[in-house]
Amino acid sequence: MRRTKHQRGRTNREQPAATPSISVPQQRSDARILLASGFDINTNIGEGFGPYRVDGEADCLPFVTSANVACGAHSGDPVLMEAALESVRYYGLSLGAHIGYPDLAGFGRREIHLSSAELRASVLYQLGALSGLARTFGLEITQVRPHGFLYRQISHDVRIATIVAKALAEYDRWLVLLGPAGNILLQAGERAGIRVAGEAWIDRGYDAQGNLLPHTHSRAVLKSPQEVLRQANLLVRNSEVIAVDGTRVRLEFETIHLHSRIVQAKLIAEELRQLIPNACSLTSEPFTIDTIEEHEDFPVLAYSGY
């Protein structure tokens, strides 16, 4: 069981300028995480296999608040996982499990359709693998971020999102599920009784409904550092992105994803952290369950600054 419990309200973010914007409909939900200040900044690490490594992963670590370690399905292996955990401990980051479909050859991006039982078992297997290694480093998983095709599925398929969320609740109901900001993620969290955190990308294009553009779209990935930093500024200051059709779209999110493979990733990471000097990690430490409040469906989590 974990430690102290503190309820903190979300701080008011800077309101957007007078420019009209489209607000993506969001549900009011007890499943949504409550941040004390700032945002979490997360990145993925350990995304290699055997002799293959991803250059630049370590460059972003001094500037983020949480890191998601590949668990061996879409990428990663025990040796890489241990190296990644050492980095998480060294930088004092919150530990995320980066889960995906068992697809090393396709890097978890190919369409794979498992039965409900197979998907549940795969999620639990990956959590168990990372958790077992993390224990030897004195670390605990605090969040879970799906990858590739699984990530895309939980943005629009409430059944898949709920299977993943319920598997997390079975393993540890204090885990936070990261995913695309939107109602599907909230519904999954409510059904499973866990907290969720909406995620925004600084280097990906969006449509007018607040969805990420598919990788086949010519504007799916922002290619220049200037474009990436422009979107980062708009997200941090106004909680908005400019969609591919030019409209401004408001997003409800608690964490920002920083991809280590973007151009000039280290420079962008440093600039992003300067934009969010009060960045806080999605850690569930410290908290306890007060006996007077045990009837609540969801725990209220406290957040520590990095």
C-alpha atoms as a PDB file:
ATOM      1  CA  MET A   1       0.000   0.000   0.000  1.00  0.00           C
ATOM      2  CA  ARG A   2       1.225   3.478  -0.737  1.00  0.00           C
ATOM      3  CA  ARG A   3       1.716   6.553   1.422  1.00  0.00           C
ATOM      4  CA  THR A   4       0.073  10.121   2.097  1.00  0.00           C
ATOM      5  CA  LYS A   5      -2.977  11.491   0.343  1.00  0.00           C
ATOM      6  CA  HIS A   6      -3.420  15.168  -0.543  1.00  0.00           C
ATOM      7  CA  GLN A   7      -6.146  16.707  -2.674  1.00  0.00           C
ATOM      8  CA  ARG A   8      -4.978  19.495  -4.905  1.00  0.00           C
ATOM      9  CA  GLY A   9      -7.008  21.443  -7.402  1.00  0.00           C
ATOM     10  CA  ARG A  10      -5.971  22.206 -10.950  1.00  0.00           C
ATOM     11  CA  THR A  11      -4.430  25.629 -11.349  1.00  0.00           C
ATOM     12  CA  ASN A  12      -5.964  28.034 -13.864  1.00  0.00           C
ATOM     13  CA  ARG A  13      -4.110  27.982 -17.145  1.00  0.00           C
ATOM     14  CA  GLU A  14      -3.578  31.107 -19.157  1.00  0.00           C
ATOM     15  CA  GLN A  15      -6.667  31.826 -21.208  1.00  0.00           C
ATOM     16  CA  PRO A  16      -6.391  32.045 -25.012  1.00  0.00           C
ATOM     17  CA  ALA A  17      -6.372  35.333 -26.833  1.00  0.00           C
ATOM     18  CA  ALA A  18      -9.475  36.696 -28.496  1.00  0.00           C
ATOM     19  CA  THR A  19      -8.905  34.553 -31.592  1.00  0.00           C
ATOM     20  CA  PRO A  20     -11.947  32.230 -31.939  1.00  0.00           C
ATOM     21  CA  SER A  21     -11.211  28.583 -31.397  1.00  0.00           C
ATOM     22  CA  ILE A  22     -12.977  25.252 -31.541  1.00  0.00           C
ATOM     23  CA  SER A  23     -13.346  23.536 -28.197  1.00  0.00           C
ATOM     24  CA  VAL A  24     -13.206  19.756 -28.463  1.00  0.00           C
ATOM     25  CA  PRO A  25     -16.082  18.352 -26.363  1.00  0.00           C
ATOM     26  CA  GLN A  26     -14.803  16.761 -23.157  1.00  0.00           C
ATOM     27  CA  GLN A  27     -16.682  14.950 -20.439  1.00  0.00           C
ATOM     28  CA  ARG A  28     -16.473  16.086 -16.834  1.00  0.00           C
ATOM     29  CA  SER A  29     -15.008  13.012 -15.241  1.00  0.00           C
ATOM     30  CA  ASP A  30     -13.674  11.875 -11.891  1.00  0.00           C
ATOM     31  CA  ALA A  31     -11.243   9.716 -13.877  1.00  0.00           C
ATOM     32  CA  ARG A  32      -9.321  12.764 -15.088  1.00  0.00           C
ATOM     33  CA  ILE A  33      -6.093  13.363 -13.217  1.00  0.00           C
ATOM     34  CA  LEU A  34      -5.762  16.544 -11.157  1.00  0.00           C
ATOM     35  CA  LEU A  35      -2.501  18.437 -11.552  1.00  0.00           C
ATOM     36  CA  ALA A  36      -1.238  20.777  -8.877  1.00  0.00           C
ATOM     37  CA  SER A  37       0.680  22.907 -11.387  1.00  0.00           C
ATOM     38  CA  GLY A  38       2.255  22.863 -14.824  1.00  0.00           C
ATOM     39  CA  PHE A  39       2.230  19.716 -16.926  1.00  0.00           C
ATOM     40  CA  ASP A  40       4.042  16.417 -16.993  1.00  0.00           C
ATOM     41  CA  ILE A  41       6.595  16.018 -19.815  1.00  0.00           C
ATOM     42  CA  ASN A  42       7.030  12.400 -20.859  1.00  0.00           C
ATOM     43  CA  THR A  43       9.341  10.621 -23.275  1.00  0.00           C
ATOM     44  CA  ASN A  44       9.946   7.020 -24.397  1.00  0.00           C
ATOM     45  CA  ILE A  45      13.192   5.157 -23.758  1.00  0.00           C
ATOM     46  CA  GLY A  46      14.614   1.684 -24.303  1.00  0.00           C
ATOM     47  CA  GLU A  47      13.118   1.376 -27.775  1.00  0.00           C
ATOM     48  CA  GLY A  48      15.715  -0.909 -29.275  1.00  0.00           C
ATOM     49  CA  PHE A  49      16.337  -4.626 -29.314  1.00  0.00           C
ATOM     50  CA  GLY A  50      19.493  -6.698 -29.017  1.00  0.00           C
ATOM     51  CA  PRO A  51      22.318  -4.795 -30.726  1.00  0.00           C
ATOM     52  CA  TYR A  52      19.954  -2.133 -32.075  1.00  0.00           C
ATOM     53  CA  ARG A  53      19.740   1.162 -30.187  1.00  0.00           C
ATOM     54  CA  VAL A  54      17.886   4.438 -30.664  1.00  0.00           C
ATOM     55  CA  ASP A  55      20.210   7.432 -30.730  1.00  0.00           C
ATOM     56  CA  GLY A  56      19.276  10.522 -28.769  1.00  0.00           C
ATOM     57  CA  GLU A  57      17.004   9.008 -26.118  1.00  0.00           C
ATOM     58  CA  ALA A  58      19.269  10.062 -23.260  1.00  0.00           C
ATOM     59  CA  ASP A  59      19.535  13.659 -24.532  1.00  0.00           C
ATOM     60  CA  CYS A  60      15.958  14.461 -23.493  1.00  0.00           C
ATOM     61  CA  LEU A  61      16.048  12.923 -20.018  1.00  0.00           C
ATOM     62  CA  PRO A  62      17.395  15.955 -18.103  1.00  0.00           C
ATOM     63  CA  PHE A  63      14.388  17.986 -19.263  1.00  0.00           C
ATOM     64  CA  VAL A  64      11.439  15.597 -18.759  1.00  0.00           C
ATOM     65  CA  THR A  65       9.544  14.538 -15.645  1.00  0.00           C
ATOM     66  CA  SER A  66       8.645  10.978 -16.634  1.00  0.00           C
ATOM     67  CA  ALA A  67      10.002   8.261 -18.926  1.00  0.00           C
ATOM     68  CA  ASN A  68       8.154   5.305 -20.427  1.00  0.00           C
ATOM     69  CA  VAL A  69      10.267   2.175 -20.763  1.00  0.00           C
ATOM     70  CA  ALA A  70       9.561  -0.249 -23.640  1.00  0.00           C
ATOM     71  CA  CYS A  71       8.510  -3.571 -22.122  1.00  0.00           C
ATOM     72  CA  GLY A  72       9.734  -6.030 -24.767  1.00  0.00           C
ATOM     73  CA  ALA A  73       6.645  -6.366 -26.964  1.00  0.00           C
ATOM     74  CA  HIS A  74       6.955  -3.700 -29.671  1.00  0.00           C
ATOM     75  CA  SER A  75      10.602  -3.097 -28.668  1.00  0.00           C
ATOM     76  CA  GLY A  76      12.973  -3.469 -25.745  1.00  0.00           C
ATOM     77  CA  ASP A  77      14.648  -6.429 -24.079  1.00  0.00           C
ATOM     78  CA  PRO A  78      15.749  -7.201 -20.493  1.00  0.00           C
ATOM     79  CA  VAL A  79      19.201  -5.624 -20.887  1.00  0.00           C
ATOM     80  CA  LEU A  80      17.831  -2.443 -22.458  1.00  0.00           C
ATOM     81  CA  MET A  81      15.080  -2.278 -19.852  1.00  0.00           C
ATOM     82  CA  GLU A  82      17.651  -2.393 -17.058  1.00  0.00           C
ATOM     83  CA  ALA A  83      19.718   0.346 -18.713  1.00  0.00           C
ATOM     84  CA  ALA A  84      16.593   2.477 -19.083  1.00  0.00           C
ATOM     85  CA  LEU A  85      15.647   1.928 -15.447  1.00  0.00           C
ATOM     86  CA  GLU A  86      19.102   3.041 -14.379  1.00  0.00           C
ATOM     87  CA  SER A  87      18.525   6.297 -16.276  1.00  0.00           C
ATOM     88  CA  VAL A  88      15.075   6.750 -14.713  1.00  0.00           C
ATOM     89  CA  ARG A  89      16.577   6.368 -11.256  1.00  0.00           C
ATOM     90  CA  TYR A  90      19.555   8.636 -12.022  1.00  0.00           C
ATOM     91  CA  TYR A  91      17.356  11.521 -13.205  1.00  0.00           C
ATOM     92  CA  GLY A  92      14.680  10.984 -10.541  1.00  0.00           C
ATOM     93  CA  LEU A  93      11.881  10.516 -13.084  1.00  0.00           C
ATOM     94  CA  SER A  94       8.483   8.898 -12.722  1.00  0.00           C
ATOM     95  CA  LEU A  95       8.477   5.468 -14.330  1.00  0.00           C
ATOM     96  CA  GLY A  96       6.075   4.617 -17.124  1.00  0.00           C
ATOM     97  CA  ALA A  97       5.472   1.287 -18.816  1.00  0.00           C
ATOM     98  CA  HIS A  98       5.487   1.654 -22.600  1.00  0.00           C
ATOM     99  CA  ILE A  99       3.267  -1.211 -23.756  1.00  0.00           C
ATOM    100  CA  GLY A 100       2.367  -2.336 -27.266  1.00  0.00           C
ATOM    101  CA  TYR A 101       1.371  -5.268 -29.412  1.00  0.00           C
ATOM    102  CA  PRO A 102       3.881  -8.129 -29.656  1.00  0.00           C
ATOM    103  CA  ASP A 103       5.340  -6.950 -32.963  1.00  0.00           C
ATOM    104  CA  LEU A 104       9.111  -6.462 -32.886  1.00  0.00           C
ATOM    105  CA  ALA A 105       9.389  -6.680 -36.667  1.00  0.00           C
ATOM    106  CA  GLY A 106       6.772  -3.964 -37.208  1.00  0.00           C
ATOM    107  CA  PHE A 107       7.721  -1.874 -34.178  1.00  0.00           C
ATOM    108  CA  GLY A 108       4.171  -2.232 -32.887  1.00  0.00           C
ATOM    109  CA  ARG A 109       2.751  -0.081 -35.676  1.00  0.00           C
ATOM    110  CA  ARG A 110       1.122  -2.795 -37.781  1.00  0.00           C
ATOM    111  CA  GLU A 111      -2.539  -3.695 -37.395  1.00  0.00           C
ATOM    112  CA  ILE A 112      -2.786  -6.600 -34.971  1.00  0.00           C
ATOM    113  CA  HIS A 113      -6.114  -7.730 -33.567  1.00  0.00           C
ATOM    114  CA  LEU A 114      -6.069  -9.857 -30.433  1.00  0.00           C
ATOM    115  CA  SER A 115      -8.981 -11.303 -28.523  1.00  0.00           C
ATOM    116  CA  SER A 116      -9.933  -9.562 -25.285  1.00  0.00           C
ATOM    117  CA  ALA A 117      -8.244 -12.305 -23.269  1.00  0.00           C
ATOM    118  CA  GLU A 118      -5.070 -12.134 -25.355  1.00  0.00           C
ATOM    119  CA  LEU A 119      -4.825  -8.340 -25.076  1.00  0.00           C
ATOM    120  CA  ARG A 120      -5.438  -8.396 -21.320  1.00  0.00           C
ATOM    121  CA  ALA A 121      -2.791 -11.084 -20.828  1.00  0.00           C
ATOM    122  CA  SER A 122      -0.298  -9.211 -23.027  1.00  0.00           C
ATOM    123  CA  VAL A 123      -0.742  -5.990 -21.023  1.00  0.00           C
ATOM    124  CA  LEU A 124      -0.325  -7.826 -17.702  1.00  0.00           C
ATOM    125  CA  TYR A 125       2.717  -9.700 -19.016  1.00  0.00           C
ATOM    126  CA  GLN A 126       4.464  -6.480 -20.008  1.00  0.00           C
ATOM    127  CA  LEU A 127       3.639  -4.762 -16.713  1.00  0.00           C
ATOM    128  CA  GLY A 128       4.968  -7.748 -14.812  1.00  0.00           C
ATOM    129  CA  ALA A 129       8.223  -7.806 -16.780  1.00  0.00           C
ATOM    130  CA  LEU A 130       8.995  -4.132 -16.177  1.00  0.00           C
ATOM    131  CA  SER A 131       7.810  -4.178 -12.587  1.00  0.00           C
ATOM    132  CA  GLY A 132      10.021  -7.142 -11.739  1.00  0.00           C
ATOM    133  CA  LEU A 133      13.127  -5.400 -13.026  1.00  0.00           C
ATOM    134  CA  ALA A 134      12.091  -2.045 -11.556  1.00  0.00           C
ATOM    135  CA  ARG A 135      11.884  -3.543  -8.076  1.00  0.00           C
ATOM    136  CA  THR A 136      15.626  -4.241  -8.110  1.00  0.00           C
ATOM    137  CA  PHE A 137      16.181  -0.491  -8.703  1.00  0.00           C
ATOM    138  CA  GLY A 138      13.771   0.540  -5.956  1.00  0.00           C
ATOM    139  CA  LEU A 139      11.326   1.898  -8.557  1.00  0.00           C
ATOM    140  CA  GLU A 140       7.593   1.523  -9.050  1.00  0.00           C
ATOM    141  CA  ILE A 141       5.537   1.965 -12.210  1.00  0.00           C
ATOM    142  CA  THR A 142       3.293   5.015 -11.909  1.00  0.00           C
ATOM    143  CA  GLN A 143       1.894   5.340 -15.429  1.00  0.00           C
ATOM    144  CA  VAL A 144       1.268   3.303 -18.561  1.00  0.00           C
ATOM    145  CA  ARG A 145       1.486   4.599 -22.120  1.00  0.00           C
ATOM    146  CA  PRO A 146       0.371   2.467 -25.075  1.00  0.00           C
ATOM    147  CA  HIS A 147       2.407   2.515 -28.301  1.00  0.00           C
ATOM    148  CA  GLY A 148       1.779   2.521 -32.028  1.00  0.00           C
ATOM    149  CA  PHE A 149      -1.339   0.754 -33.252  1.00  0.00           C
ATOM    150  CA  LEU A 150      -2.550   0.182 -29.689  1.00  0.00           C
ATOM    151  CA  TYR A 151      -2.237   3.925 -28.999  1.00  0.00           C
ATOM    152  CA  ARG A 152      -4.263   4.705 -32.106  1.00  0.00           C
ATOM    153  CA  GLN A 153      -6.921   2.175 -31.104  1.00  0.00           C
ATOM    154  CA  ILE A 154      -7.498   3.641 -27.641  1.00  0.00           C
ATOM    155  CA  SER A 155      -8.169   7.024 -29.235  1.00  0.00           C
ATOM    156  CA  HIS A 156     -11.311   5.805 -31.006  1.00  0.00           C
ATOM    157  CA  ASP A 157     -12.223   2.287 -29.788  1.00  0.00           C
ATOM    158  CA  VAL A 158     -13.741   2.372 -26.305  1.00  0.00           C
ATOM    159  CA  ARG A 159     -13.735  -1.448 -26.107  1.00  0.00           C
ATOM    160  CA  ILE A 160      -9.971  -1.688 -26.607  1.00  0.00           C
ATOM    161  CA  ALA A 161      -9.353   1.267 -24.301  1.00  0.00           C
ATOM    162  CA  THR A 162     -11.480  -0.362 -21.603  1.00  0.00           C
ATOM    163  CA  ILE A 163      -9.684  -3.709 -21.897  1.00  0.00           C
ATOM    164  CA  VAL A 164      -6.362  -1.952 -21.382  1.00  0.00           C
ATOM    165  CA  ALA A 165      -7.705   0.176 -18.514  1.00  0.00           C
ATOM    166  CA  LYS A 166      -9.246  -2.816 -16.747  1.00  0.00           C
ATOM    167  CA  ALA A 167      -5.988  -4.759 -17.064  1.00  0.00           C
ATOM    168  CA  LEU A 168      -4.219  -1.849 -15.374  1.00  0.00           C
ATOM    169  CA  ALA A 169      -6.821  -1.813 -12.616  1.00  0.00           C
ATOM    170  CA  GLU A 170      -6.302  -5.535 -12.059  1.00  0.00           C
ATOM    171  CA  TYR A 171      -2.572  -5.085 -11.761  1.00  0.00           C
ATOM    172  CA  ASP A 172      -2.570  -1.876  -9.694  1.00  0.00           C
ATOM    173  CA  ARG A 173      -5.539   0.499  -9.592  1.00  0.00           C
ATOM    174  CA  TRP A 174      -3.235   3.411  -8.747  1.00  0.00           C
ATOM    175  CA  LEU A 175      -1.644   3.328 -12.204  1.00  0.00           C
ATOM    176  CA  VAL A 176      -2.369   6.267 -14.518  1.00  0.00           C
ATOM    177  CA  LEU A 177      -3.261   5.528 -18.143  1.00  0.00           C
ATOM    178  CA  LEU A 178      -1.791   7.985 -20.665  1.00  0.00           C
ATOM    179  CA  GLY A 179      -3.439   8.389 -24.034  1.00  0.00           C
ATOM    180  CA  PRO A 180      -4.828  10.825 -26.599  1.00  0.00           C
ATOM    181  CA  ALA A 181      -6.841  13.588 -24.941  1.00  0.00           C
ATOM    182  CA  GLY A 182     -10.527  12.832 -25.487  1.00  0.00           C
ATOM    183  CA  ASN A 183     -13.711  11.245 -24.248  1.00  0.00           C
ATOM    184  CA  ILE A 184     -12.738   7.658 -25.128  1.00  0.00           C
ATOM    185  CA  LEU A 185      -9.871   7.724 -22.632  1.00  0.00           C
ATOM    186  CA  LEU A 186     -12.137   9.195 -19.958  1.00  0.00           C
ATOM    187  CA  GLN A 187     -14.818   6.579 -20.542  1.00  0.00           C
ATOM    188  CA  ALA A 188     -12.258   3.797 -20.230  1.00  0.00           C
ATOM    189  CA  GLY A 189     -10.945   5.241 -16.972  1.00  0.00           C
ATOM    190  CA  GLU A 190     -14.444   5.528 -15.544  1.00  0.00           C
ATOM    191  CA  ARG A 191     -15.329   1.958 -16.473  1.00  0.00           C
ATOM    192  CA  ALA A 192     -12.144   0.567 -14.951  1.00  0.00           C
ATOM    193  CA  GLY A 193     -11.992   2.833 -11.901  1.00  0.00           C
ATOM    194  CA  ILE A 194      -8.550   4.278 -12.644  1.00  0.00           C
ATOM    195  CA  ARG A 195      -7.124   7.709 -13.340  1.00  0.00           C
ATOM    196  CA  VAL A 196      -6.236   8.849 -16.855  1.00  0.00           C
ATOM    197  CA  ALA A 197      -4.071  11.649 -18.244  1.00  0.00           C
ATOM    198  CA  GLY A 198      -4.709  13.175 -21.653  1.00  0.00           C
ATOM    199  CA  GLU A 199      -1.612  13.647 -23.795  1.00  0.00           C
ATOM    200  CA  ALA A 200      -0.674  16.371 -26.273  1.00  0.00           C
ATOM    201  CA  TRP A 201       2.064  16.157 -28.920  1.00  0.00           C
ATOM    202  CA  ILE A 202       4.288  19.060 -29.873  1.00  0.00           C
ATOM    203  CA  ASP A 203       5.535  17.510 -33.135  1.00  0.00           C
ATOM    204  CA  ARG A 204       2.349  16.007 -34.593  1.00  0.00           C
ATOM    205  CA  GLY A 205      -0.401  17.558 -36.700  1.00  0.00           C
ATOM    206  CA  TYR A 206      -4.055  17.597 -35.597  1.00  0.00           C
ATOM    207  CA  ASP A 207      -7.390  17.719 -37.399  1.00  0.00           C
ATOM    208  CA  ALA A 208     -10.245  20.085 -36.520  1.00  0.00           C
ATOM    209  CA  GLN A 209     -11.707  17.533 -34.075  1.00  0.00           C
ATOM    210  CA  GLY A 210      -8.506  17.375 -32.036  1.00  0.00           C
ATOM    211  CA  ASN A 211      -7.372  14.009 -33.401  1.00  0.00           C
ATOM    212  CA  LEU A 212      -3.806  13.261 -34.467  1.00  0.00           C
ATOM    213  CA  LEU A 213      -3.411  13.128 -38.234  1.00  0.00           C
ATOM    214  CA  PRO A 214      -2.604   9.639 -39.566  1.00  0.00           C
ATOM    215  CA  HIS A 215       1.029   9.035 -40.507  1.00  0.00           C
ATOM    216  CA  THR A 216      -0.030   8.826 -44.166  1.00  0.00           C
ATOM    217  CA  HIS A 217      -1.004  12.532 -44.090  1.00  0.00           C
ATOM    218  CA  SER A 218       1.570  14.967 -45.458  1.00  0.00           C
ATOM    219  CA  ARG A 219       1.203  17.134 -42.333  1.00  0.00           C
ATOM    220  CA  ALA A 220       1.225  14.269 -39.829  1.00  0.00           C
ATOM    221  CA  VAL A 221       4.649  15.228 -38.472  1.00  0.00           C
ATOM    222  CA  LEU A 222       5.926  18.771 -37.976  1.00  0.00           C
ATOM    223  CA  LYS A 223       9.315  18.772 -39.642  1.00  0.00           C
ATOM    224  CA  SER A 224      11.069  21.958 -38.531  1.00  0.00           C
ATOM    225  CA  PRO A 225      12.119  22.900 -34.974  1.00  0.00           C
ATOM    226  CA  GLN A 226      10.417  26.258 -35.468  1.00  0.00           C
ATOM    227  CA  GLU A 227       7.063  24.579 -36.141  1.00  0.00           C
ATOM    228  CA  VAL A 228       7.478  22.258 -33.168  1.00  0.00           C
ATOM    229  CA  LEU A 229       8.331  25.106 -30.782  1.00  0.00           C
ATOM    230  CA  ARG A 230       5.461  27.204 -32.131  1.00  0.00           C
ATOM    231  CA  GLN A 231       3.017  24.391 -31.352  1.00  0.00           C
ATOM    232  CA  ALA A 232       4.644  23.811 -27.946  1.00  0.00           C
ATOM    233  CA  ASN A 233       4.157  27.490 -27.053  1.00  0.00           C
ATOM    234  CA  LEU A 234       0.512  27.417 -28.090  1.00  0.00           C
ATOM    235  CA  LEU A 235      -0.159  24.247 -26.113  1.00  0.00           C
ATOM    236  CA  VAL A 236       1.548  25.421 -22.938  1.00  0.00           C
ATOM    237  CA  ARG A 237       0.163  28.961 -22.969  1.00  0.00           C
ATOM    238  CA  ASN A 238      -3.340  28.433 -24.369  1.00  0.00           C
ATOM    239  CA  SER A 239      -3.987  24.653 -24.368  1.00  0.00           C
ATOM    240  CA  GLU A 240      -4.509  24.938 -28.125  1.00  0.00           C
ATOM    241  CA  VAL A 241      -3.202  23.632 -31.419  1.00  0.00           C
ATOM    242  CA  ILE A 242      -3.728  24.980 -34.918  1.00  0.00           C
ATOM    243  CA  ALA A 243      -5.385  22.220 -36.917  1.00  0.00           C
ATOM    244  CA  VAL A 244      -4.423  21.303 -40.461  1.00  0.00           C
ATOM    245  CA  ASP A 245      -7.342  23.410 -41.786  1.00  0.00           C
ATOM    246  CA  GLY A 246      -6.192  26.484 -39.861  1.00  0.00           C
ATOM    247  CA  THR A 247      -8.731  26.408 -37.027  1.00  0.00           C
ATOM    248  CA  ARG A 248      -7.632  26.676 -33.407  1.00  0.00           C
ATOM    249  CA  VAL A 249      -8.578  23.639 -31.341  1.00  0.00           C
ATOM    250  CA  ARG A 250      -8.514  23.531 -27.542  1.00  0.00           C
ATOM    251  CA  LEU A 251      -7.246  20.336 -25.933  1.00  0.00           C
ATOM    252  CA  GLU A 252      -7.670  19.080 -22.381  1.00  0.00           C
ATOM    253  CA  PHE A 253      -4.392  17.429 -21.452  1.00  0.00           C
ATOM    254  CA  GLU A 254      -2.150  16.808 -18.469  1.00  0.00           C
ATOM    255  CA  THR A 255       1.024  15.511 -20.104  1.00  0.00           C
ATOM    256  CA  ILE A 256       3.073  16.523 -23.143  1.00  0.00           C
ATOM    257  CA  HIS A 257       4.883  13.901 -25.190  1.00  0.00           C
ATOM    258  CA  LEU A 258       8.450  14.665 -26.214  1.00  0.00           C
ATOM    259  CA  HIS A 259       9.695  12.391 -28.995  1.00  0.00           C
ATOM    260  CA  SER A 260      13.456  11.880 -28.870  1.00  0.00           C
ATOM    261  CA  ARG A 261      13.662  11.360 -32.640  1.00  0.00           C
ATOM    262  CA  ILE A 262      12.492  14.793 -33.687  1.00  0.00           C
ATOM    263  CA  VAL A 263      15.013  17.104 -35.321  1.00  0.00           C
ATOM    264  CA  GLN A 264      17.178  18.899 -32.726  1.00  0.00           C
ATOM    265  CA  ALA A 265      15.419  17.010 -29.944  1.00  0.00           C
ATOM    266  CA  LYS A 266      17.774  18.198 -27.191  1.00  0.00           C
ATOM    267  CA  LEU A 267      17.331  21.860 -28.103  1.00  0.00           C
ATOM    268  CA  ILE A 268      13.552  21.458 -28.254  1.00  0.00           C
ATOM    269  CA  ALA A 269      13.539  19.571 -24.930  1.00  0.00           C
ATOM    270  CA  GLU A 270      15.446  22.402 -23.262  1.00  0.00           C
ATOM    271  CA  GLU A 271      13.133  25.049 -24.715  1.00  0.00           C
ATOM    272  CA  LEU A 272      10.047  23.064 -23.685  1.00  0.00           C
ATOM    273  CA  ARG A 273      11.263  22.752 -20.111  1.00  0.00           C
ATOM    274  CA  GLN A 274      11.876  26.500 -19.989  1.00  0.00           C
ATOM    275  CA  LEU A 275       8.257  26.981 -21.064  1.00  0.00           C
ATOM    276  CA  ILE A 276       7.150  24.787 -18.146  1.00  0.00           C
ATOM    277  CA  PRO A 277       9.394  25.697 -15.211  1.00  0.00           C
ATOM    278  CA  ASN A 278       6.848  24.214 -12.784  1.00  0.00           C
ATOM    279  CA  ALA A 279       6.582  20.873 -14.621  1.00  0.00           C
ATOM    280  CA  CYS A 280       5.354  18.084 -12.358  1.00  0.00           C
ATOM    281  CA  SER A 281       5.494  14.326 -12.766  1.00  0.00           C
ATOM    282  CA  LEU A 282       2.482  12.015 -12.808  1.00  0.00           C
ATOM    283  CA  THR A 283       3.635  10.266  -9.689  1.00  0.00           C
ATOM    284  CA  SER A 284       1.197   8.750  -7.248  1.00  0.00           C
ATOM    285  CA  GLU A 285       3.645   9.279  -4.404  1.00  0.00           C
ATOM    286  CA  PRO A 286       3.063  10.085  -1.691  1.00  0.00           C
ATOM    287  CA  PHE A 287      -0.464   9.091  -0.639  1.00  0.00           C
ATOM    288  CA  THR A 288      -2.542   6.951   1.690  1.00  0.00           C
ATOM    289  CA  ILE A 289      -6.189   5.972   1.783  1.00  0.00           C
ATOM    290  CA  ASP A 290      -8.036   7.808   4.558  1.00  0.00           C
ATOM    291  CA  THR A 291     -10.597   5.515   6.197  1.00  0.00           C
ATOM    292  CA  ILE A 292     -13.171   8.292   6.150  1.00  0.00           C
ATOM    293  CA  GLU A 293     -12.979   8.427   2.354  1.00  0.00           C
ATOM    294  CA  GLU A 294     -12.768   4.768   1.405  1.00  0.00           C
ATOM    295  CA  HIS A 295     -16.197   4.977  -0.216  1.00  0.00           C
ATOM    296  CA  GLU A 296     -14.794   7.098  -3.050  1.00  0.00           C
ATOM    297  CA  ASP A 297     -14.587   5.446  -6.433  1.00  0.00           C
ATOM    298  CA  PHE A 298     -11.289   7.098  -7.316  1.00  0.00           C
ATOM    299  CA  PRO A 299      -8.214   7.973  -5.282  1.00  0.00           C
ATOM    300  CA  VAL A 300      -7.087  11.587  -5.304  1.00  0.00           C
ATOM    301  CA  LEU A 301      -3.417  11.707  -6.210  1.00  0.00           C
ATOM    302  CA  ALA A 302      -0.738  14.128  -5.178  1.00  0.00           C
ATOM    303  CA  TYR A 303       1.907  15.327  -7.613  1.00  0.00           C
ATOM    304  CA  SER A 304       5.523  16.060  -6.993  1.00  0.00           C
ATOM    305  CA  GLY A 305       7.523  18.687  -8.843  1.00  0.00           C
ATOM    306  CA  TYR A 306      10.650  17.612 -10.677  1.00  0.00           C
END
